[in-house]
């Protein structure tokens, strides 16, 4: 039997809202990296994970990316996903 497709929403502390879907995936958390570049511009990287532990595991690669890409600074954030109506 096919899984029901649903929409998932993350609400970040700064008020940003990200909706993912429709998806049948068992995602529970959304992660986001906001990187400040030397030029003053920002880059945003994001993804979703199947557990809080999986989302937290993205932190170490973010530290490596900051060194490799020469980011001035970055913020790493995680939010729990909520199921929302279509």
PDB file of N, CA and C in Angstrom:
ATOM      1  N   UNK A   1       0.839  -1.177   0.000  1.00  0.00           N
ATOM      2  CA  UNK A   1       0.000   0.000   0.000  1.00  0.00           C
ATOM      3  C   UNK A   1       0.893   1.253   0.000  1.00  0.00           C
ATOM      4  N   UNK A   2       0.542   2.222  -0.800  1.00  0.00           N
ATOM      5  CA  UNK A   2       1.328   3.447  -0.914  1.00  0.00           C
ATOM      6  C   UNK A   2       1.138   4.320   0.325  1.00  0.00           C
ATOM      7  N   UNK A   3       2.203   4.998   0.692  1.00  0.00           N
ATOM      8  CA  UNK A   3       2.129   5.930   1.828  1.00  0.00           C
ATOM      9  C   UNK A   3       1.382   7.180   1.419  1.00  0.00           C
ATOM     10  N   UNK A   4       0.702   7.748   2.370  1.00  0.00           N
ATOM     11  CA  UNK A   4      -0.030   8.990   2.152  1.00  0.00           C
ATOM     12  C   UNK A   4       0.967  10.136   1.989  1.00  0.00           C
ATOM     13  N   UNK A   5       0.768  10.939   0.962  1.00  0.00           N
ATOM     14  CA  UNK A   5       1.612  12.123   0.775  1.00  0.00           C
ATOM     15  C   UNK A   5       1.114  13.218   1.719  1.00  0.00           C
ATOM     16  N   UNK A   6       2.046  13.958   2.277  1.00  0.00           N
ATOM     17  CA  UNK A   6       1.695  15.001   3.232  1.00  0.00           C
ATOM     18  C   UNK A   6       2.649  16.178   3.077  1.00  0.00           C
ATOM     19  N   UNK A   7       2.302  17.298   3.663  1.00  0.00           N
ATOM     20  CA  UNK A   7       3.148  18.485   3.681  1.00  0.00           C
ATOM     21  C   UNK A   7       3.716  18.642   5.082  1.00  0.00           C
ATOM     22  N   UNK A   8       4.981  19.046   5.155  1.00  0.00           N
ATOM     23  CA  UNK A   8       5.653  19.249   6.429  1.00  0.00           C
ATOM     24  C   UNK A   8       6.150  20.687   6.490  1.00  0.00           C
ATOM     25  N   UNK A   9       6.002  21.310   7.639  1.00  0.00           N
ATOM     26  CA  UNK A   9       6.385  22.710   7.794  1.00  0.00           C
ATOM     27  C   UNK A   9       7.342  22.876   8.964  1.00  0.00           C
ATOM     28  N   UNK A  10       8.389  23.669   8.717  1.00  0.00           N
ATOM     29  CA  UNK A  10       9.354  24.043   9.765  1.00  0.00           C
ATOM     30  C   UNK A  10       9.213  25.533  10.009  1.00  0.00           C
ATOM     31  N   UNK A  11       9.200  25.925  11.278  1.00  0.00           N
ATOM     32  CA  UNK A  11       9.144  27.339  11.655  1.00  0.00           C
ATOM     33  C   UNK A  11      10.443  27.673  12.395  1.00  0.00           C
ATOM     34  N   UNK A  12      11.241  28.537  11.767  1.00  0.00           N
ATOM     35  CA  UNK A  12      12.542  28.885  12.325  1.00  0.00           C
ATOM     36  C   UNK A  12      12.397  30.028  13.327  1.00  0.00           C
ATOM     37  N   UNK A  13      13.337  30.157  14.260  1.00  0.00           N
ATOM     38  CA  UNK A  13      13.252  31.204  15.291  1.00  0.00           C
ATOM     39  C   UNK A  13      13.180  32.628  14.725  1.00  0.00           C
ATOM     40  N   UNK A  14      13.754  32.847  13.537  1.00  0.00           N
ATOM     41  CA  UNK A  14      13.726  34.188  12.942  1.00  0.00           C
ATOM     42  C   UNK A  14      12.437  34.474  12.167  1.00  0.00           C
ATOM     43  N   UNK A  15      11.474  33.543  12.214  1.00  0.00           N
ATOM     44  CA  UNK A  15      10.192  33.739  11.545  1.00  0.00           C
ATOM     45  C   UNK A  15      10.098  33.098  10.174  1.00  0.00           C
ATOM     46  N   UNK A  16      11.209  32.589   9.636  1.00  0.00           N
ATOM     47  CA  UNK A  16      11.191  31.934   8.332  1.00  0.00           C
ATOM     48  C   UNK A  16      10.386  30.646   8.427  1.00  0.00           C
ATOM     49  N   UNK A  17       9.542  30.390   7.420  1.00  0.00           N
ATOM     50  CA  UNK A  17       8.726  29.177   7.383  1.00  0.00           C
ATOM     51  C   UNK A  17       9.068  28.420   6.106  1.00  0.00           C
ATOM     52  N   UNK A  18       9.410  27.153   6.227  1.00  0.00           N
ATOM     53  CA  UNK A  18       9.743  26.305   5.081  1.00  0.00           C
ATOM     54  C   UNK A  18       8.750  25.165   5.036  1.00  0.00           C
ATOM     55  N   UNK A  19       8.105  24.980   3.876  1.00  0.00           N
ATOM     56  CA  UNK A  19       7.173  23.867   3.686  1.00  0.00           C
ATOM     57  C   UNK A  19       7.787  22.889   2.703  1.00  0.00           C
ATOM     58  N   UNK A  20       7.748  21.622   3.051  1.00  0.00           N
ATOM     59  CA  UNK A  20       8.290  20.537   2.237  1.00  0.00           C
ATOM     60  C   UNK A  20       7.122  19.654   1.823  1.00  0.00           C
ATOM     61  N   UNK A  21       7.051  19.311   0.554  1.00  0.00           N
ATOM     62  CA  UNK A  21       6.023  18.367   0.145  1.00  0.00           C
ATOM     63  C   UNK A  21       5.385  18.714  -1.179  1.00  0.00           C
ATOM     64  N   UNK A  22       4.521  17.844  -1.610  1.00  0.00           N
ATOM     65  CA  UNK A  22       4.042  16.652  -0.900  1.00  0.00           C
ATOM     66  C   UNK A  22       5.124  15.574  -0.839  1.00  0.00           C
ATOM     67  N   UNK A  23       5.183  14.888   0.278  1.00  0.00           N
ATOM     68  CA  UNK A  23       6.172  13.835   0.473  1.00  0.00           C
ATOM     69  C   UNK A  23       5.564  12.675   1.256  1.00  0.00           C
ATOM     70  N   UNK A  24       6.081  11.509   0.977  1.00  0.00           N
ATOM     71  CA  UNK A  24       5.704  10.332   1.760  1.00  0.00           C
ATOM     72  C   UNK A  24       6.844   9.983   2.717  1.00  0.00           C
ATOM     73  N   UNK A  25       7.917  10.769   2.692  1.00  0.00           N
ATOM     74  CA  UNK A  25       9.084  10.522   3.529  1.00  0.00           C
ATOM     75  C   UNK A  25       8.776  10.695   5.006  1.00  0.00           C
ATOM     76  N   UNK A  26       9.523   9.976   5.823  1.00  0.00           N
ATOM     77  CA  UNK A  26       9.329  10.014   7.280  1.00  0.00           C
ATOM     78  C   UNK A  26      10.260  11.057   7.911  1.00  0.00           C
ATOM     79  N   UNK A  27      10.233  12.276   7.408  1.00  0.00           N
ATOM     80  CA  UNK A  27      11.111  13.326   7.912  1.00  0.00           C
ATOM     81  C   UNK A  27      10.550  13.930   9.196  1.00  0.00           C
ATOM     82  N   UNK A  28      11.447  14.228  10.138  1.00  0.00           N
ATOM     83  CA  UNK A  28      11.018  14.780  11.424  1.00  0.00           C
ATOM     84  C   UNK A  28      11.623  16.146  11.713  1.00  0.00           C
ATOM     85  N   UNK A  29      12.768  16.460  11.070  1.00  0.00           N
ATOM     86  CA  UNK A  29      13.457  17.708  11.364  1.00  0.00           C
ATOM     87  C   UNK A  29      13.995  18.366  10.091  1.00  0.00           C
ATOM     88  N   UNK A  30      14.113  19.684  10.147  1.00  0.00           N
ATOM     89  CA  UNK A  30      14.653  20.514   9.078  1.00  0.00           C
ATOM     90  C   UNK A  30      15.898  21.186   9.636  1.00  0.00           C
ATOM     91  N   UNK A  31      16.955  21.235   8.841  1.00  0.00           N
ATOM     92  CA  UNK A  31      18.163  21.931   9.282  1.00  0.00           C
ATOM     93  C   UNK A  31      18.518  22.998   8.254  1.00  0.00           C
ATOM     94  N   UNK A  32      19.166  24.060   8.731  1.00  0.00           N
ATOM     95  CA  UNK A  32      19.522  25.185   7.862  1.00  0.00           C
ATOM     96  C   UNK A  32      20.861  25.763   8.302  1.00  0.00           C
ATOM     97  N   UNK A  33      21.685  26.075   7.309  1.00  0.00           N
ATOM     98  CA  UNK A  33      22.947  26.776   7.537  1.00  0.00           C
ATOM     99  C   UNK A  33      22.843  28.104   6.795  1.00  0.00           C
ATOM    100  N   UNK A  34      23.031  29.192   7.517  1.00  0.00           N
ATOM    101  CA  UNK A  34      23.090  30.517   6.909  1.00  0.00           C
ATOM    102  C   UNK A  34      24.538  30.972   7.039  1.00  0.00           C
ATOM    103  N   UNK A  35      25.230  31.008   5.897  1.00  0.00           N
ATOM    104  CA  UNK A  35      26.657  31.339   5.882  1.00  0.00           C
ATOM    105  C   UNK A  35      26.856  32.793   5.470  1.00  0.00           C
ATOM    106  N   UNK A  36      27.658  33.498   6.252  1.00  0.00           N
ATOM    107  CA  UNK A  36      28.033  34.874   5.924  1.00  0.00           C
ATOM    108  C   UNK A  36      29.370  34.825   5.187  1.00  0.00           C
ATOM    109  N   UNK A  37      29.391  35.372   3.975  1.00  0.00           N
ATOM    110  CA  UNK A  37      30.601  35.371   3.171  1.00  0.00           C
ATOM    111  C   UNK A  37      31.436  36.613   3.461  1.00  0.00           C
ATOM    112  N   UNK A  38      32.698  36.568   3.126  1.00  0.00           N
ATOM    113  CA  UNK A  38      33.582  37.721   3.325  1.00  0.00           C
ATOM    114  C   UNK A  38      33.057  38.958   2.601  1.00  0.00           C
ATOM    115  N   UNK A  39      32.366  38.762   1.473  1.00  0.00           N
ATOM    116  CA  UNK A  39      31.837  39.870   0.677  1.00  0.00           C
ATOM    117  C   UNK A  39      30.631  40.550   1.327  1.00  0.00           C
ATOM    118  N   UNK A  40      30.108  39.951   2.410  1.00  0.00           N
ATOM    119  CA  UNK A  40      28.924  40.491   3.065  1.00  0.00           C
ATOM    120  C   UNK A  40      27.639  39.822   2.603  1.00  0.00           C
ATOM    121  N   UNK A  41      27.721  39.010   1.561  1.00  0.00           N
ATOM    122  CA  UNK A  41      26.550  38.269   1.073  1.00  0.00           C
ATOM    123  C   UNK A  41      26.329  37.038   1.946  1.00  0.00           C
ATOM    124  N   UNK A  42      25.148  36.438   1.786  1.00  0.00           N
ATOM    125  CA  UNK A  42      24.843  35.214   2.528  1.00  0.00           C
ATOM    126  C   UNK A  42      24.528  34.087   1.563  1.00  0.00           C
ATOM    127  N   UNK A  43      24.781  32.883   1.991  1.00  0.00           N
ATOM    128  CA  UNK A  43      24.377  31.669   1.283  1.00  0.00           C
ATOM    129  C   UNK A  43      23.596  30.830   2.281  1.00  0.00           C
ATOM    130  N   UNK A  44      22.553  30.162   1.782  1.00  0.00           N
ATOM    131  CA  UNK A  44      21.729  29.320   2.649  1.00  0.00           C
ATOM    132  C   UNK A  44      21.743  27.894   2.110  1.00  0.00           C
ATOM    133  N   UNK A  45      21.999  26.954   3.000  1.00  0.00           N
ATOM    134  CA  UNK A  45      21.966  25.532   2.682  1.00  0.00           C
ATOM    135  C   UNK A  45      20.958  24.895   3.631  1.00  0.00           C
ATOM    136  N   UNK A  46      20.185  23.945   3.146  1.00  0.00           N
ATOM    137  CA  UNK A  46      19.169  23.336   3.996  1.00  0.00           C
ATOM    138  C   UNK A  46      18.925  21.892   3.591  1.00  0.00           C
ATOM    139  N   UNK A  47      18.243  21.189   4.475  1.00  0.00           N
ATOM    140  CA  UNK A  47      17.847  19.822   4.202  1.00  0.00           C
ATOM    141  C   UNK A  47      16.885  19.342   5.267  1.00  0.00           C
ATOM    142  N   UNK A  48      16.432  18.112   5.110  1.00  0.00           N
ATOM    143  CA  UNK A  48      15.545  17.531   6.108  1.00  0.00           C
ATOM    144  C   UNK A  48      16.092  16.164   6.490  1.00  0.00           C
ATOM    145  N   UNK A  49      15.741  15.727   7.691  1.00  0.00           N
ATOM    146  CA  UNK A  49      16.305  14.506   8.246  1.00  0.00           C
ATOM    147  C   UNK A  49      15.210  13.648   8.858  1.00  0.00           C
ATOM    148  N   UNK A  50      15.525  12.389   9.048  1.00  0.00           N
ATOM    149  CA  UNK A  50      14.567  11.425   9.601  1.00  0.00           C
ATOM    150  C   UNK A  50      14.628  11.323  11.120  1.00  0.00           C
ATOM    151  N   UNK A  51      15.548  12.086  11.743  1.00  0.00           N
ATOM    152  CA  UNK A  51      15.633  12.101  13.208  1.00  0.00           C
ATOM    153  C   UNK A  51      16.406  13.344  13.639  1.00  0.00           C
ATOM    154  N   UNK A  52      16.276  13.692  14.900  1.00  0.00           N
ATOM    155  CA  UNK A  52      17.033  14.810  15.444  1.00  0.00           C
ATOM    156  C   UNK A  52      18.530  14.503  15.392  1.00  0.00           C
ATOM    157  N   UNK A  53      18.903  13.272  15.694  1.00  0.00           N
ATOM    158  CA  UNK A  53      20.316  12.874  15.665  1.00  0.00           C
ATOM    159  C   UNK A  53      20.893  13.041  14.256  1.00  0.00           C
ATOM    160  N   UNK A  54      20.134  12.660  13.242  1.00  0.00           N
ATOM    161  CA  UNK A  54      20.600  12.814  11.860  1.00  0.00           C
ATOM    162  C   UNK A  54      20.776  14.295  11.525  1.00  0.00           C
ATOM    163  N   UNK A  55      19.842  15.133  11.947  1.00  0.00           N
ATOM    164  CA  UNK A  55      19.945  16.575  11.690  1.00  0.00           C
ATOM    165  C   UNK A  55      21.173  17.154  12.397  1.00  0.00           C
ATOM    166  N   UNK A  56      21.403  16.753  13.643  1.00  0.00           N
ATOM    167  CA  UNK A  56      22.558  17.249  14.396  1.00  0.00           C
ATOM    168  C   UNK A  56      23.871  16.819  13.761  1.00  0.00           C
ATOM    169  N   UNK A  57      23.873  15.691  13.056  1.00  0.00           N
ATOM    170  CA  UNK A  57      25.100  15.184  12.439  1.00  0.00           C
ATOM    171  C   UNK A  57      25.580  16.077  11.294  1.00  0.00           C
ATOM    172  N   UNK A  58      24.769  17.006  10.854  1.00  0.00           N
ATOM    173  CA  UNK A  58      25.156  17.931   9.774  1.00  0.00           C
ATOM    174  C   UNK A  58      26.036  19.064  10.294  1.00  0.00           C
ATOM    175  N   UNK A  59      26.133  19.223  11.589  1.00  0.00           N
ATOM    176  CA  UNK A  59      26.916  20.312  12.190  1.00  0.00           C
ATOM    177  C   UNK A  59      28.418  20.180  11.887  1.00  0.00           C
ATOM    178  N   UNK A  60      28.983  18.996  12.054  1.00  0.00           N
ATOM    179  CA  UNK A  60      30.419  18.803  11.811  1.00  0.00           C
ATOM    180  C   UNK A  60      30.799  19.124  10.369  1.00  0.00           C
ATOM    181  N   UNK A  61      30.060  18.650   9.372  1.00  0.00           N
ATOM    182  CA  UNK A  61      30.390  19.030   7.992  1.00  0.00           C
ATOM    183  C   UNK A  61      30.265  20.538   7.747  1.00  0.00           C
ATOM    184  N   UNK A  62      29.389  21.206   8.483  1.00  0.00           N
ATOM    185  CA  UNK A  62      29.258  22.668   8.343  1.00  0.00           C
ATOM    186  C   UNK A  62      30.530  23.359   8.814  1.00  0.00           C
ATOM    187  N   UNK A  63      31.137  22.865   9.886  1.00  0.00           N
ATOM    188  CA  UNK A  63      32.404  23.425  10.362  1.00  0.00           C
ATOM    189  C   UNK A  63      33.496  23.264   9.300  1.00  0.00           C
ATOM    190  N   UNK A  64      33.536  22.086   8.664  1.00  0.00           N
ATOM    191  CA  UNK A  64      34.514  21.839   7.602  1.00  0.00           C
ATOM    192  C   UNK A  64      34.252  22.761   6.411  1.00  0.00           C
ATOM    193  N   UNK A  65      33.006  22.915   6.026  1.00  0.00           N
ATOM    194  CA  UNK A  65      32.649  23.779   4.894  1.00  0.00           C
ATOM    195  C   UNK A  65      33.045  25.227   5.168  1.00  0.00           C
ATOM    196  N   UNK A  66      32.874  25.673   6.400  1.00  0.00           N
ATOM    197  CA  UNK A  66      33.242  27.049   6.765  1.00  0.00           C
ATOM    198  C   UNK A  66      34.734  27.286   6.543  1.00  0.00           C
ATOM    199  N   UNK A  67      35.552  26.327   6.938  1.00  0.00           N
ATOM    200  CA  UNK A  67      36.997  26.448   6.730  1.00  0.00           C
ATOM    201  C   UNK A  67      37.354  26.385   5.246  1.00  0.00           C
ATOM    202  N   UNK A  68      36.784  25.416   4.530  1.00  0.00           N
ATOM    203  CA  UNK A  68      37.119  25.216   3.127  1.00  0.00           C
ATOM    204  C   UNK A  68      36.662  26.384   2.247  1.00  0.00           C
ATOM    205  N   UNK A  69      35.498  26.932   2.536  1.00  0.00           N
ATOM    206  CA  UNK A  69      34.924  27.980   1.688  1.00  0.00           C
ATOM    207  C   UNK A  69      35.237  29.389   2.179  1.00  0.00           C
ATOM    208  N   UNK A  70      35.856  29.486   3.338  1.00  0.00           N
ATOM    209  CA  UNK A  70      36.236  30.791   3.851  1.00  0.00           C
ATOM    210  C   UNK A  70      35.067  31.642   4.328  1.00  0.00           C
ATOM    211  N   UNK A  71      34.058  30.995   4.917  1.00  0.00           N
ATOM    212  CA  UNK A  71      32.923  31.756   5.437  1.00  0.00           C
ATOM    213  C   UNK A  71      33.404  32.624   6.597  1.00  0.00           C
ATOM    214  N   UNK A  72      32.886  33.819   6.666  1.00  0.00           N
ATOM    215  CA  UNK A  72      33.186  34.727   7.774  1.00  0.00           C
ATOM    216  C   UNK A  72      32.580  34.163   9.065  1.00  0.00           C
ATOM    217  N   UNK A  73      31.336  33.678   8.966  1.00  0.00           N
ATOM    218  CA  UNK A  73      30.638  33.039  10.081  1.00  0.00           C
ATOM    219  C   UNK A  73      29.454  32.266   9.509  1.00  0.00           C
ATOM    220  N   UNK A  74      28.820  31.482  10.362  1.00  0.00           N
ATOM    221  CA  UNK A  74      27.605  30.790   9.933  1.00  0.00           C
ATOM    222  C   UNK A  74      26.738  30.458  11.143  1.00  0.00           C
ATOM    223  N   UNK A  75      25.455  30.293  10.874  1.00  0.00           N
ATOM    224  CA  UNK A  75      24.501  29.855  11.899  1.00  0.00           C
ATOM    225  C   UNK A  75      23.941  28.513  11.456  1.00  0.00           C
ATOM    226  N   UNK A  76      23.926  27.554  12.372  1.00  0.00           N
ATOM    227  CA  UNK A  76      23.357  26.229  12.107  1.00  0.00           C
ATOM    228  C   UNK A  76      22.130  26.081  12.986  1.00  0.00           C
ATOM    229  N   UNK A  77      20.987  25.808  12.369  1.00  0.00           N
ATOM    230  CA  UNK A  77      19.731  25.731  13.120  1.00  0.00           C
ATOM    231  C   UNK A  77      18.951  24.477  12.746  1.00  0.00           C
ATOM    232  N   UNK A  78      18.196  23.978  13.702  1.00  0.00           N
ATOM    233  CA  UNK A  78      17.348  22.807  13.499  1.00  0.00           C
ATOM    234  C   UNK A  78      15.952  23.140  14.006  1.00  0.00           C
ATOM    235  N   UNK A  79      14.940  22.727  13.242  1.00  0.00           N
ATOM    236  CA  UNK A  79      13.552  22.893  13.681  1.00  0.00           C
ATOM    237  C   UNK A  79      12.802  21.576  13.460  1.00  0.00           C
ATOM    238  N   UNK A  80      11.893  21.291  14.365  1.00  0.00           N
ATOM    239  CA  UNK A  80      11.042  20.115  14.215  1.00  0.00           C
ATOM    240  C   UNK A  80      10.015  20.377  13.128  1.00  0.00           C
ATOM    241  N   UNK A  81       9.749  19.370  12.299  1.00  0.00           N
ATOM    242  CA  UNK A  81       8.743  19.499  11.248  1.00  0.00           C
ATOM    243  C   UNK A  81       7.367  19.165  11.802  1.00  0.00           C
ATOM    244  N   UNK A  82       6.372  19.912  11.344  1.00  0.00           N
ATOM    245  CA  UNK A  82       4.977  19.677  11.725  1.00  0.00           C
ATOM    246  C   UNK A  82       4.196  19.317  10.461  1.00  0.00           C
ATOM    247  N   UNK A  83       3.303  18.353  10.566  1.00  0.00           N
ATOM    248  CA  UNK A  83       2.458  18.028   9.423  1.00  0.00           C
ATOM    249  C   UNK A  83       1.417  19.139   9.259  1.00  0.00           C
ATOM    250  N   UNK A  84       1.244  19.611   8.033  1.00  0.00           N
ATOM    251  CA  UNK A  84       0.277  20.665   7.747  1.00  0.00           C
ATOM    252  C   UNK A  84      -0.669  20.221   6.654  1.00  0.00           C
ATOM    253  N   UNK A  85      -1.894  20.743   6.650  1.00  0.00           N
ATOM    254  CA  UNK A  85      -2.847  20.347   5.609  1.00  0.00           C
ATOM    255  C   UNK A  85      -2.393  20.836   4.232  1.00  0.00           C
ATOM    256  N   UNK A  86      -2.791  20.109   3.217  1.00  0.00           N
ATOM    257  CA  UNK A  86      -2.410  20.438   1.820  1.00  0.00           C
ATOM    258  C   UNK A  86      -2.980  21.754   1.361  1.00  0.00           C
TER     259      UNK A  86
END
